[in-house]
C-alpha atoms as a PDB file:
ATOM      1  CA  MET A   1     101.228  60.187  82.977  1.00  0.00           C
ATOM      2  CA  LYS A   2     105.277  61.150  82.732  1.00  0.00           C
ATOM      3  CA  ILE A   3     106.417  64.388  81.830  1.00  0.00           C
ATOM      4  CA  VAL A   4     110.204  65.575  80.958  1.00  0.00           C
ATOM      5  CA  ALA A   5     110.993  68.672  80.306  1.00  0.00           C
ATOM      6  CA  GLY A   6     113.186  68.951  76.762  1.00  0.00           C
ATOM      7  CA  ALA A   7     117.225  68.367  77.404  1.00  0.00           C
ATOM      8  CA  ALA A   8     117.792  72.184  77.094  1.00  0.00           C
ATOM      9  CA  GLY A   9     115.069  72.402  79.973  1.00  0.00           C
ATOM     10  CA  MET A  10     116.682  74.004  82.842  1.00  0.00           C
ATOM     11  CA  ILE A  11     119.516  76.300  80.873  1.00  0.00           C
ATOM     12  CA  ALA A  12     116.414  77.354  78.557  1.00  0.00           C
ATOM     13  CA  ALA A  13     114.452  78.152  82.499  1.00  0.00           C
ATOM     14  CA  ALA A  14     118.354  79.910  83.720  1.00  0.00           C
ATOM     15  CA  MET A  15     118.187  82.181  80.345  1.00  0.00           C
ATOM     16  CA  MET A  16     114.788  83.166  81.399  1.00  0.00           C
ATOM     17  CA  PHE A  17     116.095  84.936  84.545  1.00  0.00           C
ATOM     18  CA  GLY A  18     118.295  87.178  81.426  1.00  0.00           C
ATOM     19  CA  ALA A  19     115.047  87.602  79.601  1.00  0.00           C
ATOM     20  CA  ALA A  20     112.243  87.773  80.439  1.00  0.00           C
ATOM     21  CA  GLY A  21     112.658  86.882  83.964  1.00  0.00           C
ATOM     22  CA  GLN A  22     110.084  86.185  86.734  1.00  0.00           C
ATOM     23  CA  ALA A  23     107.205  87.701  86.084  1.00  0.00           C
ATOM     24  CA  SER A  24     106.561  90.437  88.731  1.00  0.00           C
ATOM     25  CA  ALA A  25     103.264  91.545  90.309  1.00  0.00           C
ATOM     26  CA  GLN A  26     102.732  95.717  90.649  1.00  0.00           C
ATOM     27  CA  VAL A  27     100.592  97.020  93.259  1.00  0.00           C
ATOM     28  CA  ASP A  28      98.737 100.217  92.308  1.00  0.00           C
ATOM     29  CA  VAL A  29      98.267 102.598  94.687  1.00  0.00           C
ATOM     30  CA  SER A  30      96.532 105.887  94.969  1.00  0.00           C
ATOM     31  CA  GLY A  31      97.443 109.524  94.731  1.00  0.00           C
ATOM     32  CA  ASP A  32      99.719 111.257  92.297  1.00  0.00           C
ATOM     33  CA  GLY A  33     103.124 111.811  94.184  1.00  0.00           C
ATOM     34  CA  PHE A  34     105.894 109.348  94.499  1.00  0.00           C
ATOM     35  CA  ALA A  35     104.318 106.672  95.557  1.00  0.00           C
ATOM     36  CA  LYS A  36     102.185 106.724  92.069  1.00  0.00           C
ATOM     37  CA  ALA A  37     105.387 107.481  90.181  1.00  0.00           C
ATOM     38  CA  CYS A  38     106.747 104.387  91.940  1.00  0.00           C
ATOM     39  CA  SER A  39     104.078 102.615  90.931  1.00  0.00           C
ATOM     40  CA  ASP A  40     103.953 103.527  87.693  1.00  0.00           C
ATOM     41  CA  ALA A  41     107.576 102.440  86.982  1.00  0.00           C
ATOM     42  CA  ALA A  42     107.042  99.454  88.229  1.00  0.00           C
ATOM     43  CA  LYS A  43     104.354  98.463  86.041  1.00  0.00           C
ATOM     44  CA  ALA A  44     106.259  99.600  83.058  1.00  0.00           C
ATOM     45  CA  GLY A  45     109.343  97.369  83.193  1.00  0.00           C
ATOM     46  CA  GLU A  46     111.774 100.169  84.297  1.00  0.00           C
ATOM     47  CA  SER A  47     114.754  99.123  86.705  1.00  0.00           C
ATOM     48  CA  ALA A  48     116.742 102.141  86.680  1.00  0.00           C
ATOM     49  CA  ASN A  49     118.146 103.246  89.766  1.00  0.00           C
ATOM     50  CA  ARG A  50     116.538 106.637  89.510  1.00  0.00           C
ATOM     51  CA  PHE A  51     112.889 104.508  89.579  1.00  0.00           C
ATOM     52  CA  GLU A  52     114.070 102.806  93.180  1.00  0.00           C
ATOM     53  CA  GLN A  53     115.241 106.890  94.502  1.00  0.00           C
ATOM     54  CA  LEU A  54     111.229 107.913  93.659  1.00  0.00           C
ATOM     55  CA  CYS A  55     110.163 104.516  95.816  1.00  0.00           C
ATOM     56  CA  THR A  56     112.655 105.717  98.642  1.00  0.00           C
ATOM     57  CA  ALA A  57     111.603 109.186  98.353  1.00  0.00           C
ATOM     58  CA  SER A  58     107.763 108.389  99.054  1.00  0.00           C
ATOM     59  CA  LEU A  59     108.660 106.160 101.792  1.00  0.00           C
ATOM     60  CA  GLU A  60     110.724 108.488 103.414  1.00  0.00           C
ATOM     61  CA  HIS A  61     108.865 111.451 102.710  1.00  0.00           C
ATOM     62  CA  GLU A  62     104.660 110.797 101.973  1.00  0.00           C
ATOM     63  CA  LEU A  63     102.377 109.709 104.539  1.00  0.00           C
ATOM     64  CA  LEU A  64     100.824 106.966 103.015  1.00  0.00           C
ATOM     65  CA  ILE A  65      97.760 104.417 103.890  1.00  0.00           C
ATOM     66  CA  PRO A  66      99.045 101.037 105.363  1.00  0.00           C
ATOM     67  CA  ARG A  67      98.024  99.374 102.092  1.00  0.00           C
ATOM     68  CA  ASP A  68      99.805 102.531  99.572  1.00  0.00           C
ATOM     69  CA  ARG A  69     103.023 101.947 101.613  1.00  0.00           C
ATOM     70  CA  ALA A  70     103.090  98.418 101.764  1.00  0.00           C
ATOM     71  CA  GLY A  71     102.254  98.405  97.777  1.00  0.00           C
ATOM     72  CA  THR A  72     105.305 100.924  97.822  1.00  0.00           C
ATOM     73  CA  TYR A  73     107.516  98.462  99.131  1.00  0.00           C
ATOM     74  CA  VAL A  74     106.202  95.905  97.089  1.00  0.00           C
ATOM     75  CA  ASN A  75     106.866  98.230  94.086  1.00  0.00           C
ATOM     76  CA  ARG A  76     110.724  99.309  94.697  1.00  0.00           C
ATOM     77  CA  GLY A  77     111.192  95.576  95.230  1.00  0.00           C
ATOM     78  CA  ILE A  78     110.345  94.841  92.072  1.00  0.00           C
ATOM     79  CA  ILE A  79     112.422  97.585  90.489  1.00  0.00           C
ATOM     80  CA  ARG A  80     114.849  96.516  92.943  1.00  0.00           C
ATOM     81  CA  MET A  81     114.494  92.678  91.915  1.00  0.00           C
ATOM     82  CA  ARG A  82     115.092  93.545  87.869  1.00  0.00           C
ATOM     83  CA  GLY A  83     118.122  95.126  89.158  1.00  0.00           C
ATOM     84  CA  LYS A  84     118.919  91.561  89.862  1.00  0.00           C
ATOM     85  CA  ALA A  85     119.378  92.705  93.462  1.00  0.00           C
ATOM     86  CA  TYR A  86     117.844  89.843  95.040  1.00  0.00           C
ATOM     87  CA  ASP A  87     118.192  90.441  98.914  1.00  0.00           C
ATOM     88  CA  GLU A  88     117.122  94.268  99.015  1.00  0.00           C
ATOM     89  CA  ALA A  89     113.964  93.209  96.914  1.00  0.00           C
ATOM     90  CA  ILE A  90     113.337  90.670  99.638  1.00  0.00           C
ATOM     91  CA  ARG A  91     113.871  93.055 102.471  1.00  0.00           C
ATOM     92  CA  ASP A  92     111.153  94.911 100.549  1.00  0.00           C
ATOM     93  CA  PHE A  93     108.720  92.123 100.120  1.00  0.00           C
ATOM     94  CA  ASP A  94     109.206  90.985 103.607  1.00  0.00           C
ATOM     95  CA  THR A  95     108.226  94.637 105.180  1.00  0.00           C
ATOM     96  CA  ALA A  96     105.499  94.825 102.899  1.00  0.00           C
ATOM     97  CA  ILE A  97     103.685  91.828 104.371  1.00  0.00           C
ATOM     98  CA  ARG A  98     104.667  93.397 107.742  1.00  0.00           C
ATOM     99  CA  TYR A  99     102.374  96.311 106.845  1.00  0.00           C
ATOM    100  CA  GLN A 100      99.699  94.053 105.163  1.00  0.00           C
ATOM    101  CA  SER A 101      99.946  90.532 105.497  1.00  0.00           C
ATOM    102  CA  ASN A 102      97.080  89.710 103.314  1.00  0.00           C
ATOM    103  CA  LEU A 103      98.796  91.880  99.902  1.00  0.00           C
ATOM    104  CA  GLY A 104      99.397  88.715  97.773  1.00  0.00           C
ATOM    105  CA  GLU A 105     101.179  90.203  95.545  1.00  0.00           C
ATOM    106  CA  ALA A 106     104.151  90.886  98.356  1.00  0.00           C
ATOM    107  CA  TYR A 107     104.690  87.034  97.988  1.00  0.00           C
ATOM    108  CA  VAL A 108     104.312  86.508  94.683  1.00  0.00           C
ATOM    109  CA  ASN A 109     107.166  89.050  94.105  1.00  0.00           C
ATOM    110  CA  ARG A 110     108.591  87.776  97.365  1.00  0.00           C
ATOM    111  CA  GLY A 111     108.714  84.286  95.720  1.00  0.00           C
ATOM    112  CA  ALA A 112     110.078  85.155  92.787  1.00  0.00           C
ATOM    113  CA  ALA A 113     113.144  87.111  94.194  1.00  0.00           C
ATOM    114  CA  ARG A 114     113.633  83.744  96.173  1.00  0.00           C
ATOM    115  CA  ILE A 115     114.055  81.898  92.754  1.00  0.00           C
ATOM    116  CA  GLY A 116     117.184  84.315  91.998  1.00  0.00           C
ATOM    117  CA  THR A 117     118.352  83.614  94.814  1.00  0.00           C
ATOM    118  CA  HIS A 118     117.637  79.666  94.590  1.00  0.00           C
ATOM    119  CA  ARG A 119     115.696  79.450  97.328  1.00  0.00           C
ATOM    120  CA  PHE A 120     112.885  77.329  95.578  1.00  0.00           C
ATOM    121  CA  VAL A 121     111.182  75.518  98.569  1.00  0.00           C
ATOM    122  CA  GLU A 122     110.245  79.000  99.560  1.00  0.00           C
ATOM    123  CA  ALA A 123     109.843  80.537  96.775  1.00  0.00           C
ATOM    124  CA  VAL A 124     106.732  77.822  96.205  1.00  0.00           C
ATOM    125  CA  SER A 125     105.351  78.465  99.703  1.00  0.00           C
ATOM    126  CA  ASP A 126     105.245  81.919  98.501  1.00  0.00           C
ATOM    127  CA  PHE A 127     103.559  81.338  95.441  1.00  0.00           C
ATOM    128  CA  ASN A 128     101.219  79.014  97.846  1.00  0.00           C
ATOM    129  CA  ASN A 129     100.217  81.367  99.669  1.00  0.00           C
ATOM    130  CA  ALA A 130      99.676  84.838  97.379  1.00  0.00           C
ATOM    131  CA  LEU A 131      97.349  82.231  95.327  1.00  0.00           C
ATOM    132  CA  GLU A 132      95.332  81.375  98.867  1.00  0.00           C
ATOM    133  CA  LEU A 133      95.198  85.083  99.328  1.00  0.00           C
ATOM    134  CA  GLY A 134      94.071  86.156  95.756  1.00  0.00           C
ATOM    135  CA  VAL A 135      95.858  88.355  93.315  1.00  0.00           C
ATOM    136  CA  LYS A 136      94.997  90.311  90.321  1.00  0.00           C
ATOM    137  CA  GLU A 137      97.168  88.358  87.958  1.00  0.00           C
ATOM    138  CA  PRO A 138      97.345  84.796  89.262  1.00  0.00           C
ATOM    139  CA  GLU A 139      98.493  83.513  85.892  1.00  0.00           C
ATOM    140  CA  LYS A 140     102.039  85.253  86.948  1.00  0.00           C
ATOM    141  CA  THR A 141     102.092  82.955  90.134  1.00  0.00           C
ATOM    142  CA  TYR A 142     101.350  79.651  88.020  1.00  0.00           C
ATOM    143  CA  TYR A 143     104.356  80.865  86.067  1.00  0.00           C
ATOM    144  CA  ASN A 144     106.795  81.707  88.426  1.00  0.00           C
ATOM    145  CA  ARG A 145     105.509  78.792  90.751  1.00  0.00           C
ATOM    146  CA  ALA A 146     106.352  76.719  87.446  1.00  0.00           C
ATOM    147  CA  LEU A 147     109.838  77.836  87.123  1.00  0.00           C
ATOM    148  CA  ALA A 148     110.409  77.001  91.139  1.00  0.00           C
ATOM    149  CA  TYR A 149     109.227  73.294  90.450  1.00  0.00           C
ATOM    150  CA  GLU A 150     111.220  73.226  87.469  1.00  0.00           C
ATOM    151  CA  TRP A 151     114.528  73.899  89.572  1.00  0.00           C
ATOM    152  CA  LEU A 152     112.997  71.264  92.069  1.00  0.00           C
ATOM    153  CA  ASP A 153     112.716  68.408  89.592  1.00  0.00           C
ATOM    154  CA  ASN A 154     109.025  68.214  89.654  1.00  0.00           C
ATOM    155  CA  TYR A 155     108.619  68.395  86.317  1.00  0.00           C
ATOM    156  CA  LYS A 156     104.957  67.316  86.316  1.00  0.00           C
ATOM    157  CA  ALA A 157     104.006  70.048  89.011  1.00  0.00           C
ATOM    158  CA  ALA A 158     105.772  72.456  86.633  1.00  0.00           C
ATOM    159  CA  TYR A 159     104.339  71.940  83.179  1.00  0.00           C
ATOM    160  CA  LEU A 160     100.801  72.346  84.689  1.00  0.00           C
ATOM    161  CA  ASP A 161     101.531  75.300  86.146  1.00  0.00           C
ATOM    162  CA  TYR A 162     102.618  76.559  83.096  1.00  0.00           C
ATOM    163  CA  ARG A 163      99.040  75.041  81.729  1.00  0.00           C
ATOM    164  CA  LYS A 164      97.342  76.904  83.987  1.00  0.00           C
ATOM    165  CA  ALA A 165      99.217  80.044  83.390  1.00  0.00           C
ATOM    166  CA  LEU A 166      98.517  79.871  80.017  1.00  0.00           C
ATOM    167  CA  GLU A 167      94.629  79.162  80.702  1.00  0.00           C
ATOM    168  CA  LEU A 168      94.407  81.829  82.286  1.00  0.00           C
ATOM    169  CA  ALA A 169      96.533  84.247  79.367  1.00  0.00           C
ATOM    170  CA  PRO A 170      96.330  82.653  76.391  1.00  0.00           C
ATOM    171  CA  ASP A 171      98.424  84.657  74.372  1.00  0.00           C
ATOM    172  CA  TRP A 172     101.325  84.872  76.759  1.00  0.00           C
ATOM    173  CA  ASP A 173     103.903  83.871  74.459  1.00  0.00           C
ATOM    174  CA  VAL A 174     106.711  82.839  76.786  1.00  0.00           C
ATOM    175  CA  VAL A 175     104.795  80.344  78.506  1.00  0.00           C
ATOM    176  CA  ASN A 176     103.817  78.888  75.193  1.00  0.00           C
ATOM    177  CA  GLN A 177     107.733  78.827  74.704  1.00  0.00           C
ATOM    178  CA  GLN A 178     108.010  77.198  78.504  1.00  0.00           C
ATOM    179  CA  LEU A 179     105.525  74.241  77.427  1.00  0.00           C
ATOM    180  CA  ALA A 180     106.618  73.811  74.198  1.00  0.00           C
ATOM    181  CA  ARG A 181     110.154  72.515  75.981  1.00  0.00           C
ATOM    182  CA  PHE A 182     107.998  69.361  77.668  1.00  0.00           C
ATOM    183  CA  THR A 183     107.438  65.782  76.815  1.00  0.00           C
ATOM    184  CA  VAL A 184     103.833  63.993  77.995  1.00  0.00           C
ATOM    185  CA  SER A 185     103.749  60.507  77.542  1.00  0.00           C
ATOM    186  CA  HIS A 186     101.035  58.745  79.115  1.00  0.00           C
ATOM    187  CA  ALA A 187     101.241  55.114  80.859  1.00  0.00           C
ATOM    188  CA  ASP A 188      99.501  52.220  79.446  1.00  0.00           C
ATOM    189  CA  VAL A 189      96.168  52.402  80.506  1.00  0.00           C
ATOM    190  CA  ALA A 190      95.140  49.554  82.612  1.00  0.00           C
ATOM    191  CA  THR A 191      93.106  46.970  82.044  1.00  0.00           C
ATOM    192  CA  PRO A 192      89.955  45.249  84.708  1.00  0.00           C
ATOM    193  CA  ALA A 193      91.071  41.620  85.747  1.00  0.00           C
ATOM    194  CA  ALA A 194      88.818  38.691  83.939  1.00  0.00           C
ATOM    195  CA  THR A 195      86.351  38.357  86.368  1.00  0.00           C
ATOM    196  CA  PRO A 196      86.397  34.750  87.724  1.00  0.00           C
ATOM    197  CA  THR A 197      83.907  32.299  86.361  1.00  0.00           C
ATOM    198  CA  PRO A 198      82.123  30.596  88.890  1.00  0.00           C
END
């Protein structure tokens, strides 16, 4: 099977960073203080500095259990990533992983931020870790990994990951748009050699 992206494939993928971008995986936290407000802002797609400040206030002033502290770093990283502050976001995801090394969402988001810094091989590694650890929305991991594979010119892997993302989230229009750019052609089927006559 041969799979290629359309001529505008990389341009379309590049435009994704400005439009829909990489898919982020927010972490729900308990309580109703700054950490919860930070989580809600990350979930709602916010990117304004005032929402980042809510997260920072939580990290500086609230007593949080390790999972909620890690989740708040993830959520602040998501808000920073949306503002294209990729290096700051990566630092937040690194810190979250130090608090909770088994938090798959931290790896999904770090991988997404690494796409923003064009560190595609490292991004793929993060997405693989996220899938191994388990995440609430694995379709986002497959989608992000597909973007990274496409930048690495591994169109077959990208296509298969887009297909998996669509299988998990059939109504996700962005994935349908990505898949529409691909052409799949199957190689000729080999026929078995003739049986030799005795």
